[in-house]
Amino acid sequence: DIYHMQIMEGDVIRTIRDNIQWIGHFHTGGVPGRHEIDGTQELNYHAVAKAIADLDYQGYIAHEFMPAGPDPFAAFADAYKICTV
């Protein structure tokens, strides 16, 4: 849970790199508020996704967030673009 990694530890990319062998899947969540994972959030999800891809991770990354805007499908499409590396 990338959201909780940020809340609990703050050093998300290092935590992922140090523990990738124990990670079965990832899911996103904007910090704060679990909203869109765009530039208004604390985490740079594009950098996080690149770090995960650089580790040759072959599992799943799920988007778990509550869109704040009027179009949840557009928010999901934006999240997909952000995490595509």
PDB file of N, CA and C in Angstrom:
ATOM      1  N   ASP A   1       0.855  -1.172   0.000  1.00  0.00           N
ATOM      2  CA  ASP A   1       0.000   0.000   0.000  1.00  0.00           C
ATOM      3  C   ASP A   1       0.899   1.232   0.000  1.00  0.00           C
ATOM      4  N   ILE A   2       1.052   1.845  -1.143  1.00  0.00           N
ATOM      5  CA  ILE A   2       1.950   2.988  -1.293  1.00  0.00           C
ATOM      6  C   ILE A   2       1.485   4.154  -0.426  1.00  0.00           C
ATOM      7  N   TYR A   3       0.194   4.325  -0.303  1.00  0.00           N
ATOM      8  CA  TYR A   3      -0.365   5.376   0.556  1.00  0.00           C
ATOM      9  C   TYR A   3       0.178   5.227   1.982  1.00  0.00           C
ATOM     10  N   HIS A   4       0.066   4.029   2.542  1.00  0.00           N
ATOM     11  CA  HIS A   4       0.517   3.830   3.924  1.00  0.00           C
ATOM     12  C   HIS A   4       2.042   3.862   4.051  1.00  0.00           C
ATOM     13  N   MET A   5       2.763   3.461   3.001  1.00  0.00           N
ATOM     14  CA  MET A   5       4.221   3.609   3.042  1.00  0.00           C
ATOM     15  C   MET A   5       4.583   5.073   3.259  1.00  0.00           C
ATOM     16  N   GLN A   6       3.896   5.966   2.545  1.00  0.00           N
ATOM     17  CA  GLN A   6       4.183   7.395   2.671  1.00  0.00           C
ATOM     18  C   GLN A   6       3.789   7.899   4.052  1.00  0.00           C
ATOM     19  N   ILE A   7       2.629   7.494   4.544  1.00  0.00           N
ATOM     20  CA  ILE A   7       2.154   7.954   5.849  1.00  0.00           C
ATOM     21  C   ILE A   7       3.076   7.455   6.963  1.00  0.00           C
ATOM     22  N   MET A   8       3.491   6.184   6.882  1.00  0.00           N
ATOM     23  CA  MET A   8       4.236   5.566   7.982  1.00  0.00           C
ATOM     24  C   MET A   8       5.747   5.800   7.914  1.00  0.00           C
ATOM     25  N   GLU A   9       6.326   5.809   6.720  1.00  0.00           N
ATOM     26  CA  GLU A   9       7.769   5.894   6.610  1.00  0.00           C
ATOM     27  C   GLU A   9       8.255   7.113   5.853  1.00  0.00           C
ATOM     28  N   GLY A  10       7.558   7.467   4.785  1.00  0.00           N
ATOM     29  CA  GLY A  10       7.931   8.650   4.030  1.00  0.00           C
ATOM     30  C   GLY A  10       8.933   8.423   2.918  1.00  0.00           C
ATOM     31  N   ASP A  11       9.759   7.406   3.012  1.00  0.00           N
ATOM     32  CA  ASP A  11      10.767   7.154   1.980  1.00  0.00           C
ATOM     33  C   ASP A  11      10.295   5.975   1.127  1.00  0.00           C
ATOM     34  N   VAL A  12       9.316   6.229   0.293  1.00  0.00           N
ATOM     35  CA  VAL A  12       8.613   5.181  -0.436  1.00  0.00           C
ATOM     36  C   VAL A  12       9.532   4.406  -1.377  1.00  0.00           C
ATOM     37  N   ILE A  13      10.293   5.102  -2.186  1.00  0.00           N
ATOM     38  CA  ILE A  13      11.117   4.420  -3.187  1.00  0.00           C
ATOM     39  C   ILE A  13      12.179   3.549  -2.517  1.00  0.00           C
ATOM     40  N   ARG A  14      12.828   4.047  -1.487  1.00  0.00           N
ATOM     41  CA  ARG A  14      13.805   3.228  -0.782  1.00  0.00           C
ATOM     42  C   ARG A  14      13.149   2.009  -0.139  1.00  0.00           C
ATOM     43  N   THR A  15      11.985   2.193   0.453  1.00  0.00           N
ATOM     44  CA  THR A  15      11.268   1.079   1.068  1.00  0.00           C
ATOM     45  C   THR A  15      10.929   0.020   0.035  1.00  0.00           C
ATOM     46  N   ILE A  16      10.479   0.444  -1.137  1.00  0.00           N
ATOM     47  CA  ILE A  16      10.166  -0.508  -2.213  1.00  0.00           C
ATOM     48  C   ILE A  16      11.432  -1.250  -2.639  1.00  0.00           C
ATOM     49  N   ARG A  17      12.501  -0.519  -2.876  1.00  0.00           N
ATOM     50  CA  ARG A  17      13.752  -1.159  -3.309  1.00  0.00           C
ATOM     51  C   ARG A  17      14.267  -2.158  -2.270  1.00  0.00           C
ATOM     52  N   ASP A  18      14.173  -1.794  -1.000  1.00  0.00           N
ATOM     53  CA  ASP A  18      14.688  -2.659   0.060  1.00  0.00           C
ATOM     54  C   ASP A  18      13.816  -3.887   0.311  1.00  0.00           C
ATOM     55  N   ASN A  19      12.559  -3.841  -0.112  1.00  0.00           N
ATOM     56  CA  ASN A  19      11.626  -4.915   0.239  1.00  0.00           C
ATOM     57  C   ASN A  19      10.894  -5.537  -0.939  1.00  0.00           C
ATOM     58  N   ILE A  20      11.348  -5.307  -2.147  1.00  0.00           N
ATOM     59  CA  ILE A  20      10.625  -5.766  -3.331  1.00  0.00           C
ATOM     60  C   ILE A  20      10.370  -7.270  -3.303  1.00  0.00           C
ATOM     61  N   GLN A  21      11.265  -8.044  -2.729  1.00  0.00           N
ATOM     62  CA  GLN A  21      11.091  -9.501  -2.715  1.00  0.00           C
ATOM     63  C   GLN A  21       9.893  -9.931  -1.874  1.00  0.00           C
ATOM     64  N   TRP A  22       9.397  -9.053  -1.006  1.00  0.00           N
ATOM     65  CA  TRP A  22       8.263  -9.382  -0.137  1.00  0.00           C
ATOM     66  C   TRP A  22       6.942  -8.787  -0.630  1.00  0.00           C
ATOM     67  N   ILE A  23       6.978  -8.048  -1.710  1.00  0.00           N
ATOM     68  CA  ILE A  23       5.792  -7.311  -2.159  1.00  0.00           C
ATOM     69  C   ILE A  23       5.053  -8.123  -3.214  1.00  0.00           C
ATOM     70  N   GLY A  24       3.783  -8.428  -2.937  1.00  0.00           N
ATOM     71  CA  GLY A  24       2.958  -9.203  -3.854  1.00  0.00           C
ATOM     72  C   GLY A  24       2.175  -8.350  -4.835  1.00  0.00           C
ATOM     73  N   HIS A  25       1.795  -7.166  -4.436  1.00  0.00           N
ATOM     74  CA  HIS A  25       1.121  -6.226  -5.316  1.00  0.00           C
ATOM     75  C   HIS A  25       1.216  -4.830  -4.698  1.00  0.00           C
ATOM     76  N   PHE A  26       0.939  -3.831  -5.503  1.00  0.00           N
ATOM     77  CA  PHE A  26       0.921  -2.442  -5.046  1.00  0.00           C
ATOM     78  C   PHE A  26      -0.462  -1.868  -5.287  1.00  0.00           C
ATOM     79  N   HIS A  27      -0.848  -0.919  -4.470  1.00  0.00           N
ATOM     80  CA  HIS A  27      -1.978  -0.087  -4.852  1.00  0.00           C
ATOM     81  C   HIS A  27      -1.712   1.349  -4.431  1.00  0.00           C
ATOM     82  N   THR A  28      -2.242   2.247  -5.243  1.00  0.00           N
ATOM     83  CA  THR A  28      -1.980   3.674  -5.090  1.00  0.00           C
ATOM     84  C   THR A  28      -3.043   4.323  -4.219  1.00  0.00           C
ATOM     85  N   GLY A  29      -2.745   5.487  -3.779  1.00  0.00           N
ATOM     86  CA  GLY A  29      -3.688   6.331  -3.055  1.00  0.00           C
ATOM     87  C   GLY A  29      -3.040   7.686  -2.876  1.00  0.00           C
ATOM     88  N   GLY A  30      -3.735   8.730  -3.243  1.00  0.00           N
ATOM     89  CA  GLY A  30      -3.184  10.070  -3.101  1.00  0.00           C
ATOM     90  C   GLY A  30      -2.984  10.432  -1.642  1.00  0.00           C
ATOM     91  N   VAL A  31      -1.892  11.126  -1.376  1.00  0.00           N
ATOM     92  CA  VAL A  31      -1.586  11.597  -0.026  1.00  0.00           C
ATOM     93  C   VAL A  31      -1.501  13.108  -0.087  1.00  0.00           C
ATOM     94  N   PRO A  32      -2.348  13.836   0.614  1.00  0.00           N
ATOM     95  CA  PRO A  32      -3.370  13.386   1.560  1.00  0.00           C
ATOM     96  C   PRO A  32      -4.699  13.081   0.875  1.00  0.00           C
ATOM     97  N   GLY A  33      -5.540  12.405   1.579  1.00  0.00           N
ATOM     98  CA  GLY A  33      -6.939  12.245   1.208  1.00  0.00           C
ATOM     99  C   GLY A  33      -7.309  11.126   0.276  1.00  0.00           C
ATOM    100  N   ARG A  34      -6.346  10.357  -0.222  1.00  0.00           N
ATOM    101  CA  ARG A  34      -6.625   9.270  -1.159  1.00  0.00           C
ATOM    102  C   ARG A  34      -7.356   9.748  -2.412  1.00  0.00           C
ATOM    103  N   HIS A  35      -7.039  10.953  -2.836  1.00  0.00           N
ATOM    104  CA  HIS A  35      -7.667  11.487  -4.046  1.00  0.00           C
ATOM    105  C   HIS A  35      -6.798  11.182  -5.262  1.00  0.00           C
ATOM    106  N   GLU A  36      -7.035  11.891  -6.344  1.00  0.00           N
ATOM    107  CA  GLU A  36      -6.270  11.668  -7.566  1.00  0.00           C
ATOM    108  C   GLU A  36      -4.772  11.669  -7.271  1.00  0.00           C
ATOM    109  N   ILE A  37      -4.016  10.900  -8.047  1.00  0.00           N
ATOM    110  CA  ILE A  37      -2.571  10.817  -7.821  1.00  0.00           C
ATOM    111  C   ILE A  37      -1.842  11.796  -8.741  1.00  0.00           C
ATOM    112  N   ASP A  38      -2.339  13.004  -8.788  1.00  0.00           N
ATOM    113  CA  ASP A  38      -1.801  14.027  -9.680  1.00  0.00           C
ATOM    114  C   ASP A  38      -0.765  14.894  -8.961  1.00  0.00           C
ATOM    115  N   GLY A  39      -0.410  15.998  -9.565  1.00  0.00           N
ATOM    116  CA  GLY A  39       0.606  16.886  -9.030  1.00  0.00           C
ATOM    117  C   GLY A  39       0.227  17.633  -7.773  1.00  0.00           C
ATOM    118  N   THR A  40      -1.005  17.496  -7.296  1.00  0.00           N
ATOM    119  CA  THR A  40      -1.403  18.170  -6.063  1.00  0.00           C
ATOM    120  C   THR A  40      -1.083  17.333  -4.824  1.00  0.00           C
ATOM    121  N   GLN A  41      -0.576  16.128  -5.033  1.00  0.00           N
ATOM    122  CA  GLN A  41      -0.325  15.207  -3.929  1.00  0.00           C
ATOM    123  C   GLN A  41       1.140  15.219  -3.500  1.00  0.00           C
ATOM    124  N   GLU A  42       1.440  14.660  -2.327  1.00  0.00           N
ATOM    125  CA  GLU A  42       2.808  14.602  -1.810  1.00  0.00           C
ATOM    126  C   GLU A  42       3.702  13.695  -2.640  1.00  0.00           C
ATOM    127  N   LEU A  43       3.150  12.624  -3.168  1.00  0.00           N
ATOM    128  CA  LEU A  43       3.952  11.639  -3.882  1.00  0.00           C
ATOM    129  C   LEU A  43       4.024  11.926  -5.367  1.00  0.00           C
ATOM    130  N   ASN A  44       5.196  11.690  -5.926  1.00  0.00           N
ATOM    131  CA  ASN A  44       5.383  11.740  -7.369  1.00  0.00           C
ATOM    132  C   ASN A  44       5.214  10.304  -7.862  1.00  0.00           C
ATOM    133  N   TYR A  45       3.990   9.942  -8.204  1.00  0.00           N
ATOM    134  CA  TYR A  45       3.709   8.553  -8.571  1.00  0.00           C
ATOM    135  C   TYR A  45       4.416   8.127  -9.849  1.00  0.00           C
ATOM    136  N   HIS A  46       4.743   9.046 -10.727  1.00  0.00           N
ATOM    137  CA  HIS A  46       5.498   8.657 -11.916  1.00  0.00           C
ATOM    138  C   HIS A  46       6.885   8.153 -11.506  1.00  0.00           C
ATOM    139  N   ALA A  47       7.527   8.843 -10.572  1.00  0.00           N
ATOM    140  CA  ALA A  47       8.837   8.404 -10.073  1.00  0.00           C
ATOM    141  C   ALA A  47       8.724   7.080  -9.331  1.00  0.00           C
ATOM    142  N   VAL A  48       7.663   6.902  -8.554  1.00  0.00           N
ATOM    143  CA  VAL A  48       7.445   5.641  -7.847  1.00  0.00           C
ATOM    144  C   VAL A  48       7.250   4.510  -8.852  1.00  0.00           C
ATOM    145  N   ALA A  49       6.427   4.732  -9.875  1.00  0.00           N
ATOM    146  CA  ALA A  49       6.185   3.706 -10.890  1.00  0.00           C
ATOM    147  C   ALA A  49       7.471   3.371 -11.641  1.00  0.00           C
ATOM    148  N   LYS A  50       8.289   4.363 -11.915  1.00  0.00           N
ATOM    149  CA  LYS A  50       9.565   4.101 -12.600  1.00  0.00           C
ATOM    150  C   LYS A  50      10.481   3.257 -11.729  1.00  0.00           C
ATOM    151  N   ALA A  51      10.536   3.560 -10.442  1.00  0.00           N
ATOM    152  CA  ALA A  51      11.368   2.768  -9.526  1.00  0.00           C
ATOM    153  C   ALA A  51      10.893   1.315  -9.488  1.00  0.00           C
ATOM    154  N   ILE A  52       9.587   1.110  -9.470  1.00  0.00           N
ATOM    155  CA  ILE A  52       9.029  -0.248  -9.469  1.00  0.00           C
ATOM    156  C   ILE A  52       9.383  -0.956 -10.781  1.00  0.00           C
ATOM    157  N   ALA A  53       9.219  -0.268 -11.893  1.00  0.00           N
ATOM    158  CA  ALA A  53       9.533  -0.863 -13.196  1.00  0.00           C
ATOM    159  C   ALA A  53      11.024  -1.182 -13.303  1.00  0.00           C
ATOM    160  N   ASP A  54      11.869  -0.321 -12.772  1.00  0.00           N
ATOM    161  CA  ASP A  54      13.316  -0.547 -12.814  1.00  0.00           C
ATOM    162  C   ASP A  54      13.725  -1.803 -12.053  1.00  0.00           C
ATOM    163  N   LEU A  55      12.894  -2.243 -11.120  1.00  0.00           N
ATOM    164  CA  LEU A  55      13.158  -3.470 -10.362  1.00  0.00           C
ATOM    165  C   LEU A  55      12.634  -4.702 -11.086  1.00  0.00           C
ATOM    166  N   ASP A  56      12.117  -4.497 -12.302  1.00  0.00           N
ATOM    167  CA  ASP A  56      11.567  -5.583 -13.120  1.00  0.00           C
ATOM    168  C   ASP A  56      10.400  -6.284 -12.440  1.00  0.00           C
ATOM    169  N   TYR A  57       9.623  -5.521 -11.691  1.00  0.00           N
ATOM    170  CA  TYR A  57       8.440  -6.053 -11.014  1.00  0.00           C
ATOM    171  C   TYR A  57       7.414  -6.489 -12.055  1.00  0.00           C
ATOM    172  N   GLN A  58       6.897  -7.689 -11.928  1.00  0.00           N
ATOM    173  CA  GLN A  58       5.960  -8.246 -12.910  1.00  0.00           C
ATOM    174  C   GLN A  58       4.542  -8.391 -12.365  1.00  0.00           C
ATOM    175  N   GLY A  59       4.289  -7.910 -11.163  1.00  0.00           N
ATOM    176  CA  GLY A  59       2.981  -8.066 -10.546  1.00  0.00           C
ATOM    177  C   GLY A  59       2.014  -6.957 -10.922  1.00  0.00           C
ATOM    178  N   TYR A  60       1.043  -6.768 -10.069  1.00  0.00           N
ATOM    179  CA  TYR A  60      -0.033  -5.808 -10.319  1.00  0.00           C
ATOM    180  C   TYR A  60       0.156  -4.523  -9.533  1.00  0.00           C
ATOM    181  N   ILE A  61      -0.289  -3.440 -10.147  1.00  0.00           N
ATOM    182  CA  ILE A  61      -0.418  -2.153  -9.469  1.00  0.00           C
ATOM    183  C   ILE A  61      -1.860  -1.717  -9.668  1.00  0.00           C
ATOM    184  N   ALA A  62      -2.579  -1.556  -8.571  1.00  0.00           N
ATOM    185  CA  ALA A  62      -3.986  -1.165  -8.633  1.00  0.00           C
ATOM    186  C   ALA A  62      -4.134   0.287  -8.191  1.00  0.00           C
ATOM    187  N   HIS A  63      -5.060   0.972  -8.798  1.00  0.00           N
ATOM    188  CA  HIS A  63      -5.348   2.354  -8.424  1.00  0.00           C
ATOM    189  C   HIS A  63      -6.533   2.366  -7.474  1.00  0.00           C
ATOM    190  N   GLU A  64      -6.253   2.696  -6.237  1.00  0.00           N
ATOM    191  CA  GLU A  64      -7.308   2.787  -5.230  1.00  0.00           C
ATOM    192  C   GLU A  64      -7.346   4.222  -4.726  1.00  0.00           C
ATOM    193  N   PHE A  65      -8.258   4.982  -5.239  1.00  0.00           N
ATOM    194  CA  PHE A  65      -8.368   6.368  -4.822  1.00  0.00           C
ATOM    195  C   PHE A  65      -9.783   6.855  -5.062  1.00  0.00           C
ATOM    196  N   MET A  66     -10.122   7.966  -4.448  1.00  0.00           N
ATOM    197  CA  MET A  66     -11.444   8.555  -4.581  1.00  0.00           C
ATOM    198  C   MET A  66     -11.319   9.829  -5.415  1.00  0.00           C
ATOM    199  N   PRO A  67     -11.753   9.783  -6.655  1.00  0.00           N
ATOM    200  CA  PRO A  67     -11.655  10.988  -7.490  1.00  0.00           C
ATOM    201  C   PRO A  67     -12.406  12.160  -6.868  1.00  0.00           C
ATOM    202  N   ALA A  68     -11.762  13.313  -6.860  1.00  0.00           N
ATOM    203  CA  ALA A  68     -12.378  14.504  -6.278  1.00  0.00           C
ATOM    204  C   ALA A  68     -13.144  15.305  -7.325  1.00  0.00           C
ATOM    205  N   GLY A  69     -12.816  15.107  -8.591  1.00  0.00           N
ATOM    206  CA  GLY A  69     -13.445  15.873  -9.657  1.00  0.00           C
ATOM    207  C   GLY A  69     -14.732  15.243 -10.153  1.00  0.00           C
ATOM    208  N   PRO A  70     -15.338  15.865 -11.155  1.00  0.00           N
ATOM    209  CA  PRO A  70     -16.636  15.413 -11.649  1.00  0.00           C
ATOM    210  C   PRO A  70     -16.576  14.165 -12.536  1.00  0.00           C
ATOM    211  N   ASP A  71     -15.391  13.812 -13.052  1.00  0.00           N
ATOM    212  CA  ASP A  71     -15.301  12.697 -13.991  1.00  0.00           C
ATOM    213  C   ASP A  71     -14.332  11.632 -13.484  1.00  0.00           C
ATOM    214  N   PRO A  72     -14.853  10.609 -12.797  1.00  0.00           N
ATOM    215  CA  PRO A  72     -13.969   9.580 -12.253  1.00  0.00           C
ATOM    216  C   PRO A  72     -13.221   8.793 -13.326  1.00  0.00           C
ATOM    217  N   PHE A  73     -13.799   8.648 -14.513  1.00  0.00           N
ATOM    218  CA  PHE A  73     -13.123   7.923 -15.584  1.00  0.00           C
ATOM    219  C   PHE A  73     -11.911   8.699 -16.102  1.00  0.00           C
ATOM    220  N   ALA A  74     -12.027  10.020 -16.168  1.00  0.00           N
ATOM    221  CA  ALA A  74     -10.888  10.849 -16.567  1.00  0.00           C
ATOM    222  C   ALA A  74      -9.791  10.790 -15.506  1.00  0.00           C
ATOM    223  N   ALA A  75     -10.185  10.774 -14.236  1.00  0.00           N
ATOM    224  CA  ALA A  75      -9.200  10.672 -13.157  1.00  0.00           C
ATOM    225  C   ALA A  75      -8.457   9.345 -13.241  1.00  0.00           C
ATOM    226  N   PHE A  76      -9.169   8.265 -13.536  1.00  0.00           N
ATOM    227  CA  PHE A  76      -8.519   6.964 -13.676  1.00  0.00           C
ATOM    228  C   PHE A  76      -7.582   6.955 -14.885  1.00  0.00           C
ATOM    229  N   ALA A  77      -8.012   7.541 -15.988  1.00  0.00           N
ATOM    230  CA  ALA A  77      -7.166   7.615 -17.184  1.00  0.00           C
ATOM    231  C   ALA A  77      -5.887   8.401 -16.880  1.00  0.00           C
ATOM    232  N   ASP A  78      -6.011   9.485 -16.120  1.00  0.00           N
ATOM    233  CA  ASP A  78      -4.829  10.264 -15.737  1.00  0.00           C
ATOM    234  C   ASP A  78      -3.906   9.431 -14.854  1.00  0.00           C
ATOM    235  N   ALA A  79      -4.462   8.682 -13.911  1.00  0.00           N
ATOM    236  CA  ALA A  79      -3.654   7.817 -13.041  1.00  0.00           C
ATOM    237  C   ALA A  79      -2.911   6.769 -13.866  1.00  0.00           C
ATOM    238  N   TYR A  80      -3.582   6.220 -14.857  1.00  0.00           N
ATOM    239  CA  TYR A  80      -2.950   5.230 -15.715  1.00  0.00           C
ATOM    240  C   TYR A  80      -1.761   5.855 -16.466  1.00  0.00           C
ATOM    241  N   LYS A  81      -1.952   7.062 -16.984  1.00  0.00           N
ATOM    242  CA  LYS A  81      -0.864   7.750 -17.696  1.00  0.00           C
ATOM    243  C   LYS A  81       0.309   8.042 -16.768  1.00  0.00           C
ATOM    244  N   ILE A  82       0.016   8.475 -15.564  1.00  0.00           N
ATOM    245  CA  ILE A  82       1.066   8.794 -14.604  1.00  0.00           C
ATOM    246  C   ILE A  82       1.917   7.565 -14.282  1.00  0.00           C
ATOM    247  N   CYS A  83       1.281   6.414 -14.187  1.00  0.00           N
ATOM    248  CA  CYS A  83       1.986   5.183 -13.798  1.00  0.00           C
ATOM    249  C   CYS A  83       2.542   4.387 -14.977  1.00  0.00           C
ATOM    250  N   THR A  84       2.324   4.866 -16.180  1.00  0.00           N
ATOM    251  CA  THR A  84       2.888   4.199 -17.342  1.00  0.00           C
ATOM    252  C   THR A  84       4.291   4.717 -17.579  1.00  0.00           C
ATOM    253  N   VAL A  85       5.267   3.824 -17.460  1.00  0.00           N
ATOM    254  CA  VAL A  85       6.675   4.238 -17.614  1.00  0.00           C
ATOM    255  C   VAL A  85       7.364   3.375 -18.654  1.00  0.00           C
TER     256      VAL A  85
END
